[in-house]
Structures are given as C-alpha cells and as structure tokens.
Amino acid sequence: MLAGELSATGGDHAAAFARYGSALRPYVRQAQKLPPGAVRGFLPRTRTAIALRDASMRAMTRWPLRAATARRFRRAVAIRLAEYAPVA
C-alpha cells in the first residue's frame, strides 16, 4: 500500500506517508483494541494461571470454540486495499 501511494504521488514521500497513514488509521485503531483483561490474561503471574491460559489457548483451536474464535478475529481482515495503476 505504501508503494502504491508513493507511485500515486509521483514519489512525493510526505504526501504518500500522509495518504498511507490516513487510509490505515481507522483499521489500526480498531485492531489495537484489546478485550477487558487481555494483558493480564496473556501475561499470567502464577503457575496455575499459566496452565489455565495454555489450556484455553489450546481449546480455542478446537471445536466448538474454533468458530467463535474465528468470528472474534474477523476484524483482522477488515481492511480494504486500494487499487493502484500499474507502473511501466
């Protein structure tokens, strides 16, 4: 995307960076939102908490939680990429 913006602006890097930032900002803001307790859940401090975290991570990849996990991560592909003209 940055390469496309550099091409579209004729190599004007300041304009390309501004356009690139504007296009990606909403997606990045959305993608960086963490669910409540996420940091504490992913960085446990006790052996028991570590074991529970590991078990829940394994469970998320198996039926029936796999579908729910996939829905939760749909926003990872919620970006629309621009079409850029080919450069000769």
PDB file of N, CA and C in Angstrom:
ATOM      1  N   MET A   1       0.818  -1.182   0.000  1.00  0.00           N
ATOM      2  CA  MET A   1       0.000   0.000   0.000  1.00  0.00           C
ATOM      3  C   MET A   1       0.873   1.262   0.000  1.00  0.00           C
ATOM      4  N   LEU A   2       1.929   1.252   0.789  1.00  0.00           N
ATOM      5  CA  LEU A   2       2.819   2.413   0.808  1.00  0.00           C
ATOM      6  C   LEU A   2       3.484   2.589  -0.554  1.00  0.00           C
ATOM      7  N   ALA A   3       3.879   1.504  -1.176  1.00  0.00           N
ATOM      8  CA  ALA A   3       4.484   1.595  -2.513  1.00  0.00           C
ATOM      9  C   ALA A   3       3.485   2.178  -3.507  1.00  0.00           C
ATOM     10  N   GLY A   4       2.229   1.760  -3.404  1.00  0.00           N
ATOM     11  CA  GLY A   4       1.188   2.297  -4.285  1.00  0.00           C
ATOM     12  C   GLY A   4       0.987   3.779  -4.076  1.00  0.00           C
ATOM     13  N   GLU A   5       1.009   4.221  -2.826  1.00  0.00           N
ATOM     14  CA  GLU A   5       0.857   5.652  -2.541  1.00  0.00           C
ATOM     15  C   GLU A   5       2.069   6.441  -3.021  1.00  0.00           C
ATOM     16  N   LEU A   6       3.262   5.880  -2.874  1.00  0.00           N
ATOM     17  CA  LEU A   6       4.449   6.557  -3.396  1.00  0.00           C
ATOM     18  C   LEU A   6       4.353   6.724  -4.910  1.00  0.00           C
ATOM     19  N   SER A   7       3.883   5.697  -5.580  1.00  0.00           N
ATOM     20  CA  SER A   7       3.712   5.773  -7.026  1.00  0.00           C
ATOM     21  C   SER A   7       2.625   6.784  -7.391  1.00  0.00           C
ATOM     22  N   ALA A   8       1.500   6.747  -6.682  1.00  0.00           N
ATOM     23  CA  ALA A   8       0.367   7.633  -6.982  1.00  0.00           C
ATOM     24  C   ALA A   8       0.699   9.101  -6.753  1.00  0.00           C
ATOM     25  N   THR A   9       1.642   9.375  -5.852  1.00  0.00           N
ATOM     26  CA  THR A   9       2.008  10.764  -5.573  1.00  0.00           C
ATOM     27  C   THR A   9       3.273  11.178  -6.322  1.00  0.00           C
ATOM     28  N   GLY A  10       3.702  10.362  -7.264  1.00  0.00           N
ATOM     29  CA  GLY A  10       4.877  10.701  -8.054  1.00  0.00           C
ATOM     30  C   GLY A  10       6.163  10.733  -7.243  1.00  0.00           C
ATOM     31  N   GLY A  11       6.204   9.927  -6.169  1.00  0.00           N
ATOM     32  CA  GLY A  11       7.410   9.865  -5.348  1.00  0.00           C
ATOM     33  C   GLY A  11       7.458  10.897  -4.238  1.00  0.00           C
ATOM     34  N   ASP A  12       6.413  11.702  -4.085  1.00  0.00           N
ATOM     35  CA  ASP A  12       6.364  12.694  -3.005  1.00  0.00           C
ATOM     36  C   ASP A  12       6.133  11.944  -1.700  1.00  0.00           C
ATOM     37  N   HIS A  13       7.237  11.667  -0.993  1.00  0.00           N
ATOM     38  CA  HIS A  13       7.124  10.807   0.180  1.00  0.00           C
ATOM     39  C   HIS A  13       6.266  11.415   1.288  1.00  0.00           C
ATOM     40  N   ALA A  14       6.306  12.713   1.476  1.00  0.00           N
ATOM     41  CA  ALA A  14       5.486  13.342   2.525  1.00  0.00           C
ATOM     42  C   ALA A  14       3.998  13.138   2.238  1.00  0.00           C
ATOM     43  N   ALA A  15       3.599  13.357   0.994  1.00  0.00           N
ATOM     44  CA  ALA A  15       2.189  13.155   0.616  1.00  0.00           C
ATOM     45  C   ALA A  15       1.821  11.678   0.682  1.00  0.00           C
ATOM     46  N   ALA A  16       2.724  10.808   0.252  1.00  0.00           N
ATOM     47  CA  ALA A  16       2.454   9.366   0.276  1.00  0.00           C
ATOM     48  C   ALA A  16       2.282   8.867   1.706  1.00  0.00           C
ATOM     49  N   PHE A  17       3.160   9.313   2.617  1.00  0.00           N
ATOM     50  CA  PHE A  17       3.046   8.895   4.017  1.00  0.00           C
ATOM     51  C   PHE A  17       1.745   9.395   4.622  1.00  0.00           C
ATOM     52  N   ALA A  18       1.354  10.619   4.295  1.00  0.00           N
ATOM     53  CA  ALA A  18       0.100  11.176   4.821  1.00  0.00           C
ATOM     54  C   ALA A  18      -1.100  10.373   4.317  1.00  0.00           C
ATOM     55  N   ARG A  19      -1.122  10.065   3.040  1.00  0.00           N
ATOM     56  CA  ARG A  19      -2.238   9.287   2.472  1.00  0.00           C
ATOM     57  C   ARG A  19      -2.268   7.870   3.044  1.00  0.00           C
ATOM     58  N   TYR A  20      -1.110   7.267   3.184  1.00  0.00           N
ATOM     59  CA  TYR A  20      -0.988   5.924   3.747  1.00  0.00           C
ATOM     60  C   TYR A  20      -1.495   5.906   5.194  1.00  0.00           C
ATOM     61  N   GLY A  21      -1.064   6.890   5.975  1.00  0.00           N
ATOM     62  CA  GLY A  21      -1.499   6.987   7.367  1.00  0.00           C
ATOM     63  C   GLY A  21      -2.995   7.197   7.482  1.00  0.00           C
ATOM     64  N   SER A  22      -3.547   8.064   6.654  1.00  0.00           N
ATOM     65  CA  SER A  22      -4.989   8.320   6.686  1.00  0.00           C
ATOM     66  C   SER A  22      -5.789   7.082   6.309  1.00  0.00           C
ATOM     67  N   ALA A  23      -5.304   6.341   5.353  1.00  0.00           N
ATOM     68  CA  ALA A  23      -6.020   5.145   4.899  1.00  0.00           C
ATOM     69  C   ALA A  23      -5.988   4.037   5.957  1.00  0.00           C
ATOM     70  N   LEU A  24      -4.872   3.889   6.661  1.00  0.00           N
ATOM     71  CA  LEU A  24      -4.727   2.796   7.615  1.00  0.00           C
ATOM     72  C   LEU A  24      -5.185   3.123   9.035  1.00  0.00           C
ATOM     73  N   ARG A  25      -5.250   4.396   9.386  1.00  0.00           N
ATOM     74  CA  ARG A  25      -5.548   4.786  10.772  1.00  0.00           C
ATOM     75  C   ARG A  25      -6.802   4.125  11.351  1.00  0.00           C
ATOM     76  N   PRO A  26      -7.959   4.145  10.664  1.00  0.00           N
ATOM     77  CA  PRO A  26      -9.147   3.513  11.259  1.00  0.00           C
ATOM     78  C   PRO A  26      -8.960   2.011  11.511  1.00  0.00           C
ATOM     79  N   TYR A  27      -8.326   1.327  10.589  1.00  0.00           N
ATOM     80  CA  TYR A  27      -8.086  -0.110  10.750  1.00  0.00           C
ATOM     81  C   TYR A  27      -7.156  -0.375  11.934  1.00  0.00           C
ATOM     82  N   VAL A  28      -6.094   0.396  12.037  1.00  0.00           N
ATOM     83  CA  VAL A  28      -5.124   0.191  13.112  1.00  0.00           C
ATOM     84  C   VAL A  28      -5.773   0.461  14.468  1.00  0.00           C
ATOM     85  N   ARG A  29      -6.558   1.531  14.570  1.00  0.00           N
ATOM     86  CA  ARG A  29      -7.249   1.822  15.840  1.00  0.00           C
ATOM     87  C   ARG A  29      -8.139   0.657  16.253  1.00  0.00           C
ATOM     88  N   GLN A  30      -8.899   0.137  15.299  1.00  0.00           N
ATOM     89  CA  GLN A  30      -9.799  -0.970  15.596  1.00  0.00           C
ATOM     90  C   GLN A  30      -9.005  -2.218  15.986  1.00  0.00           C
ATOM     91  N   ALA A  31      -7.947  -2.513  15.266  1.00  0.00           N
ATOM     92  CA  ALA A  31      -7.166  -3.721  15.501  1.00  0.00           C
ATOM     93  C   ALA A  31      -6.426  -3.678  16.835  1.00  0.00           C
ATOM     94  N   GLN A  32      -6.126  -2.500  17.346  1.00  0.00           N
ATOM     95  CA  GLN A  32      -5.379  -2.381  18.591  1.00  0.00           C
ATOM     96  C   GLN A  32      -6.251  -2.412  19.840  1.00  0.00           C
ATOM     97  N   LYS A  33      -7.561  -2.438  19.676  1.00  0.00           N
ATOM     98  CA  LYS A  33      -8.445  -2.513  20.837  1.00  0.00           C
ATOM     99  C   LYS A  33      -8.304  -3.883  21.485  1.00  0.00           C
ATOM    100  N   LEU A  34      -8.030  -3.892  22.761  1.00  0.00           N
ATOM    101  CA  LEU A  34      -7.880  -5.146  23.489  1.00  0.00           C
ATOM    102  C   LEU A  34      -9.134  -5.427  24.301  1.00  0.00           C
ATOM    103  N   PRO A  35      -9.509  -6.676  24.398  1.00  0.00           N
ATOM    104  CA  PRO A  35     -10.656  -7.008  25.244  1.00  0.00           C
ATOM    105  C   PRO A  35     -10.300  -6.792  26.717  1.00  0.00           C
ATOM    106  N   PRO A  36     -11.294  -6.612  27.570  1.00  0.00           N
ATOM    107  CA  PRO A  36     -11.018  -6.408  29.003  1.00  0.00           C
ATOM    108  C   PRO A  36     -10.205  -7.570  29.581  1.00  0.00           C
ATOM    109  N   GLY A  37      -9.183  -7.252  30.329  1.00  0.00           N
ATOM    110  CA  GLY A  37      -8.354  -8.270  30.964  1.00  0.00           C
ATOM    111  C   GLY A  37      -7.373  -8.963  30.046  1.00  0.00           C
ATOM    112  N   ALA A  38      -7.237  -8.495  28.822  1.00  0.00           N
ATOM    113  CA  ALA A  38      -6.395  -9.189  27.842  1.00  0.00           C
ATOM    114  C   ALA A  38      -4.939  -9.277  28.272  1.00  0.00           C
ATOM    115  N   VAL A  39      -4.372  -8.184  28.723  1.00  0.00           N
ATOM    116  CA  VAL A  39      -2.952  -8.195  29.089  1.00  0.00           C
ATOM    117  C   VAL A  39      -2.732  -9.130  30.269  1.00  0.00           C
ATOM    118  N   ARG A  40      -3.578  -9.032  31.279  1.00  0.00           N
ATOM    119  CA  ARG A  40      -3.433  -9.901  32.449  1.00  0.00           C
ATOM    120  C   ARG A  40      -3.621 -11.372  32.044  1.00  0.00           C
ATOM    121  N   GLY A  41      -4.541 -11.622  31.114  1.00  0.00           N
ATOM    122  CA  GLY A  41      -4.784 -12.996  30.682  1.00  0.00           C
ATOM    123  C   GLY A  41      -3.651 -13.593  29.874  1.00  0.00           C
ATOM    124  N   PHE A  42      -2.963 -12.769  29.102  1.00  0.00           N
ATOM    125  CA  PHE A  42      -1.876 -13.277  28.269  1.00  0.00           C
ATOM    126  C   PHE A  42      -0.529 -13.263  28.975  1.00  0.00           C
ATOM    127  N   LEU A  43      -0.442 -12.531  30.091  1.00  0.00           N
ATOM    128  CA  LEU A  43       0.803 -12.482  30.863  1.00  0.00           C
ATOM    129  C   LEU A  43       0.529 -12.883  32.305  1.00  0.00           C
ATOM    130  N   PRO A  44       0.143 -14.137  32.523  1.00  0.00           N
ATOM    131  CA  PRO A  44      -0.177 -14.565  33.882  1.00  0.00           C
ATOM    132  C   PRO A  44       1.055 -14.598  34.776  1.00  0.00           C
ATOM    133  N   ARG A  45       0.815 -14.522  36.088  1.00  0.00           N
ATOM    134  CA  ARG A  45       1.929 -14.457  37.036  1.00  0.00           C
ATOM    135  C   ARG A  45       2.122 -15.719  37.857  1.00  0.00           C
ATOM    136  N   THR A  46       1.169 -16.626  37.836  1.00  0.00           N
ATOM    137  CA  THR A  46       1.299 -17.835  38.648  1.00  0.00           C
ATOM    138  C   THR A  46       1.297 -19.073  37.750  1.00  0.00           C
ATOM    139  N   ARG A  47       1.795 -20.174  38.289  1.00  0.00           N
ATOM    140  CA  ARG A  47       1.808 -21.428  37.531  1.00  0.00           C
ATOM    141  C   ARG A  47       0.399 -21.849  37.154  1.00  0.00           C
ATOM    142  N   THR A  48      -0.530 -21.689  38.085  1.00  0.00           N
ATOM    143  CA  THR A  48      -1.918 -22.063  37.814  1.00  0.00           C
ATOM    144  C   THR A  48      -2.495 -21.213  36.695  1.00  0.00           C
ATOM    145  N   ALA A  49      -2.250 -19.919  36.760  1.00  0.00           N
ATOM    146  CA  ALA A  49      -2.764 -19.018  35.723  1.00  0.00           C
ATOM    147  C   ALA A  49      -2.132 -19.334  34.365  1.00  0.00           C
ATOM    148  N   ILE A  50      -0.861 -19.678  34.359  1.00  0.00           N
ATOM    149  CA  ILE A  50      -0.181 -20.057  33.109  1.00  0.00           C
ATOM    150  C   ILE A  50      -0.814 -21.317  32.532  1.00  0.00           C
ATOM    151  N   ALA A  51      -1.071 -22.305  33.379  1.00  0.00           N
ATOM    152  CA  ALA A  51      -1.695 -23.549  32.916  1.00  0.00           C
ATOM    153  C   ALA A  51      -3.094 -23.292  32.366  1.00  0.00           C
ATOM    154  N   LEU A  52      -3.861 -22.432  33.037  1.00  0.00           N
ATOM    155  CA  LEU A  52      -5.206 -22.100  32.553  1.00  0.00           C
ATOM    156  C   LEU A  52      -5.142 -21.368  31.218  1.00  0.00           C
ATOM    157  N   ARG A  53      -4.211 -20.436  31.088  1.00  0.00           N
ATOM    158  CA  ARG A  53      -4.050 -19.719  29.823  1.00  0.00           C
ATOM    159  C   ARG A  53      -3.710 -20.678  28.694  1.00  0.00           C
ATOM    160  N   ASP A  54      -2.764 -21.562  28.946  1.00  0.00           N
ATOM    161  CA  ASP A  54      -2.338 -22.520  27.921  1.00  0.00           C
ATOM    162  C   ASP A  54      -3.488 -23.443  27.515  1.00  0.00           C
ATOM    163  N   ALA A  55      -4.264 -23.896  28.494  1.00  0.00           N
ATOM    164  CA  ALA A  55      -5.400 -24.769  28.197  1.00  0.00           C
ATOM    165  C   ALA A  55      -6.453 -24.032  27.379  1.00  0.00           C
ATOM    166  N   SER A  56      -6.705 -22.780  27.725  1.00  0.00           N
ATOM    167  CA  SER A  56      -7.718 -22.024  26.974  1.00  0.00           C
ATOM    168  C   SER A  56      -7.244 -21.730  25.551  1.00  0.00           C
ATOM    169  N   MET A  57      -5.955 -21.489  25.374  1.00  0.00           N
ATOM    170  CA  MET A  57      -5.423 -21.251  24.026  1.00  0.00           C
ATOM    171  C   MET A  57      -5.549 -22.515  23.176  1.00  0.00           C
ATOM    172  N   ARG A  58      -5.293 -23.679  23.771  1.00  0.00           N
ATOM    173  CA  ARG A  58      -5.458 -24.934  23.028  1.00  0.00           C
ATOM    174  C   ARG A  58      -6.931 -25.152  22.684  1.00  0.00           C
ATOM    175  N   ALA A  59      -7.809 -24.853  23.626  1.00  0.00           N
ATOM    176  CA  ALA A  59      -9.248 -25.068  23.408  1.00  0.00           C
ATOM    177  C   ALA A  59      -9.788 -24.181  22.287  1.00  0.00           C
ATOM    178  N   MET A  60      -9.232 -22.994  22.135  1.00  0.00           N
ATOM    179  CA  MET A  60      -9.726 -22.069  21.107  1.00  0.00           C
ATOM    180  C   MET A  60      -9.519 -22.591  19.687  1.00  0.00           C
ATOM    181  N   THR A  61      -8.612 -23.537  19.522  1.00  0.00           N
ATOM    182  CA  THR A  61      -8.343 -24.052  18.180  1.00  0.00           C
ATOM    183  C   THR A  61      -9.149 -25.310  17.869  1.00  0.00           C
ATOM    184  N   ARG A  62      -9.973 -25.743  18.821  1.00  0.00           N
ATOM    185  CA  ARG A  62     -10.752 -26.972  18.643  1.00  0.00           C
ATOM    186  C   ARG A  62     -12.244 -26.672  18.639  1.00  0.00           C
ATOM    187  N   TRP A  63     -13.007 -27.588  18.019  1.00  0.00           N
ATOM    188  CA  TRP A  63     -14.447 -27.475  18.021  1.00  0.00           C
ATOM    189  C   TRP A  63     -14.934 -27.606  19.449  1.00  0.00           C
ATOM    190  N   PRO A  64     -15.913 -26.873  19.899  1.00  0.00           N
ATOM    191  CA  PRO A  64     -16.757 -25.904  19.198  1.00  0.00           C
ATOM    192  C   PRO A  64     -16.243 -24.465  19.296  1.00  0.00           C
ATOM    193  N   LEU A  65     -15.139 -24.251  20.003  1.00  0.00           N
ATOM    194  CA  LEU A  65     -14.651 -22.885  20.197  1.00  0.00           C
ATOM    195  C   LEU A  65     -13.969 -22.304  18.966  1.00  0.00           C
ATOM    196  N   ARG A  66     -13.567 -23.141  18.033  1.00  0.00           N
ATOM    197  CA  ARG A  66     -12.859 -22.660  16.844  1.00  0.00           C
ATOM    198  C   ARG A  66     -13.685 -21.628  16.075  1.00  0.00           C
ATOM    199  N   ALA A  67     -14.985 -21.886  15.893  1.00  0.00           N
ATOM    200  CA  ALA A  67     -15.847 -20.957  15.149  1.00  0.00           C
ATOM    201  C   ALA A  67     -15.978 -19.630  15.882  1.00  0.00           C
ATOM    202  N   ALA A  68     -16.133 -19.678  17.191  1.00  0.00           N
ATOM    203  CA  ALA A  68     -16.249 -18.442  17.976  1.00  0.00           C
ATOM    204  C   ALA A  68     -14.950 -17.646  17.916  1.00  0.00           C
ATOM    205  N   THR A  69     -13.828 -18.344  17.975  1.00  0.00           N
ATOM    206  CA  THR A  69     -12.526 -17.684  17.882  1.00  0.00           C
ATOM    207  C   THR A  69     -12.365 -17.029  16.515  1.00  0.00           C
ATOM    208  N   ALA A  70     -12.759 -17.719  15.468  1.00  0.00           N
ATOM    209  CA  ALA A  70     -12.649 -17.168  14.110  1.00  0.00           C
ATOM    210  C   ALA A  70     -13.492 -15.905  13.983  1.00  0.00           C
ATOM    211  N   ARG A  71     -14.701 -15.905  14.553  1.00  0.00           N
ATOM    212  CA  ARG A  71     -15.543 -14.699  14.499  1.00  0.00           C
ATOM    213  C   ARG A  71     -14.870 -13.537  15.224  1.00  0.00           C
ATOM    214  N   ARG A  72     -14.225 -13.829  16.317  1.00  0.00           N
ATOM    215  CA  ARG A  72     -13.564 -12.790  17.121  1.00  0.00           C
ATOM    216  C   ARG A  72     -12.432 -12.120  16.331  1.00  0.00           C
ATOM    217  N   PHE A  73     -11.776 -12.887  15.470  1.00  0.00           N
ATOM    218  CA  PHE A  73     -10.624 -12.354  14.743  1.00  0.00           C
ATOM    219  C   PHE A  73     -10.949 -11.916  13.328  1.00  0.00           C
ATOM    220  N   ARG A  74     -12.213 -11.832  12.965  1.00  0.00           N
ATOM    221  CA  ARG A  74     -12.583 -11.375  11.624  1.00  0.00           C
ATOM    222  C   ARG A  74     -12.066  -9.982  11.319  1.00  0.00           C
ATOM    223  N   ARG A  75     -11.996  -9.157  12.325  1.00  0.00           N
ATOM    224  CA  ARG A  75     -11.560  -7.780  12.070  1.00  0.00           C
ATOM    225  C   ARG A  75     -10.134  -7.725  11.525  1.00  0.00           C
ATOM    226  N   ALA A  76      -9.376  -8.793  11.664  1.00  0.00           N
ATOM    227  CA  ALA A  76      -8.012  -8.817  11.140  1.00  0.00           C
ATOM    228  C   ALA A  76      -7.983  -8.685   9.626  1.00  0.00           C
ATOM    229  N   VAL A  77      -9.074  -9.004   8.955  1.00  0.00           N
ATOM    230  CA  VAL A  77      -9.138  -8.880   7.504  1.00  0.00           C
ATOM    231  C   VAL A  77     -10.116  -7.781   7.083  1.00  0.00           C
ATOM    232  N   ALA A  78     -10.408  -6.873   7.990  1.00  0.00           N
ATOM    233  CA  ALA A  78     -11.410  -5.833   7.732  1.00  0.00           C
ATOM    234  C   ALA A  78     -10.820  -4.599   7.057  1.00  0.00           C
ATOM    235  N   ILE A  79      -9.778  -4.774   6.303  1.00  0.00           N
ATOM    236  CA  ILE A  79      -9.164  -3.629   5.628  1.00  0.00           C
ATOM    237  C   ILE A  79      -9.408  -3.753   4.127  1.00  0.00           C
ATOM    238  N   ARG A  80      -9.715  -2.627   3.534  1.00  0.00           N
ATOM    239  CA  ARG A  80      -9.891  -2.602   2.081  1.00  0.00           C
ATOM    240  C   ARG A  80      -8.645  -1.963   1.479  1.00  0.00           C
ATOM    241  N   LEU A  81      -8.019  -2.692   0.589  1.00  0.00           N
ATOM    242  CA  LEU A  81      -6.813  -2.177  -0.056  1.00  0.00           C
ATOM    243  C   LEU A  81      -7.194  -1.486  -1.362  1.00  0.00           C
ATOM    244  N   ALA A  82      -6.547  -0.380  -1.602  1.00  0.00           N
ATOM    245  CA  ALA A  82      -6.813   0.406  -2.806  1.00  0.00           C
ATOM    246  C   ALA A  82      -6.224  -0.304  -4.025  1.00  0.00           C
ATOM    247  N   GLU A  83      -6.826  -0.006  -5.164  1.00  0.00           N
ATOM    248  CA  GLU A  83      -6.278  -0.487  -6.438  1.00  0.00           C
ATOM    249  C   GLU A  83      -5.375   0.601  -6.996  1.00  0.00           C
ATOM    250  N   TYR A  84      -4.192   0.248  -7.378  1.00  0.00           N
ATOM    251  CA  TYR A  84      -3.253   1.225  -7.940  1.00  0.00           C
ATOM    252  C   TYR A  84      -2.972   0.898  -9.400  1.00  0.00           C
ATOM    253  N   ALA A  85      -2.776   1.938 -10.175  1.00  0.00           N
ATOM    254  CA  ALA A  85      -2.467   1.743 -11.595  1.00  0.00           C
ATOM    255  C   ALA A  85      -1.091   1.105 -11.737  1.00  0.00           C
ATOM    256  N   PRO A  86      -0.962   0.169 -12.666  1.00  0.00           N
ATOM    257  CA  PRO A  86       0.342  -0.455 -12.883  1.00  0.00           C
ATOM    258  C   PRO A  86       1.359   0.578 -13.398  1.00  0.00           C
ATOM    259  N   VAL A  87       2.588   0.390 -13.012  1.00  0.00           N
ATOM    260  CA  VAL A  87       3.657   1.271 -13.441  1.00  0.00           C
ATOM    261  C   VAL A  87       4.495   0.540 -14.486  1.00  0.00           C
ATOM    262  N   ALA A  88       4.730   1.214 -15.591  1.00  0.00           N
ATOM    263  CA  ALA A  88       5.507   0.590 -16.677  1.00  0.00           C
ATOM    264  C   ALA A  88       6.978   0.637 -16.398  1.00  0.00           C
TER     265      ALA A  88
END
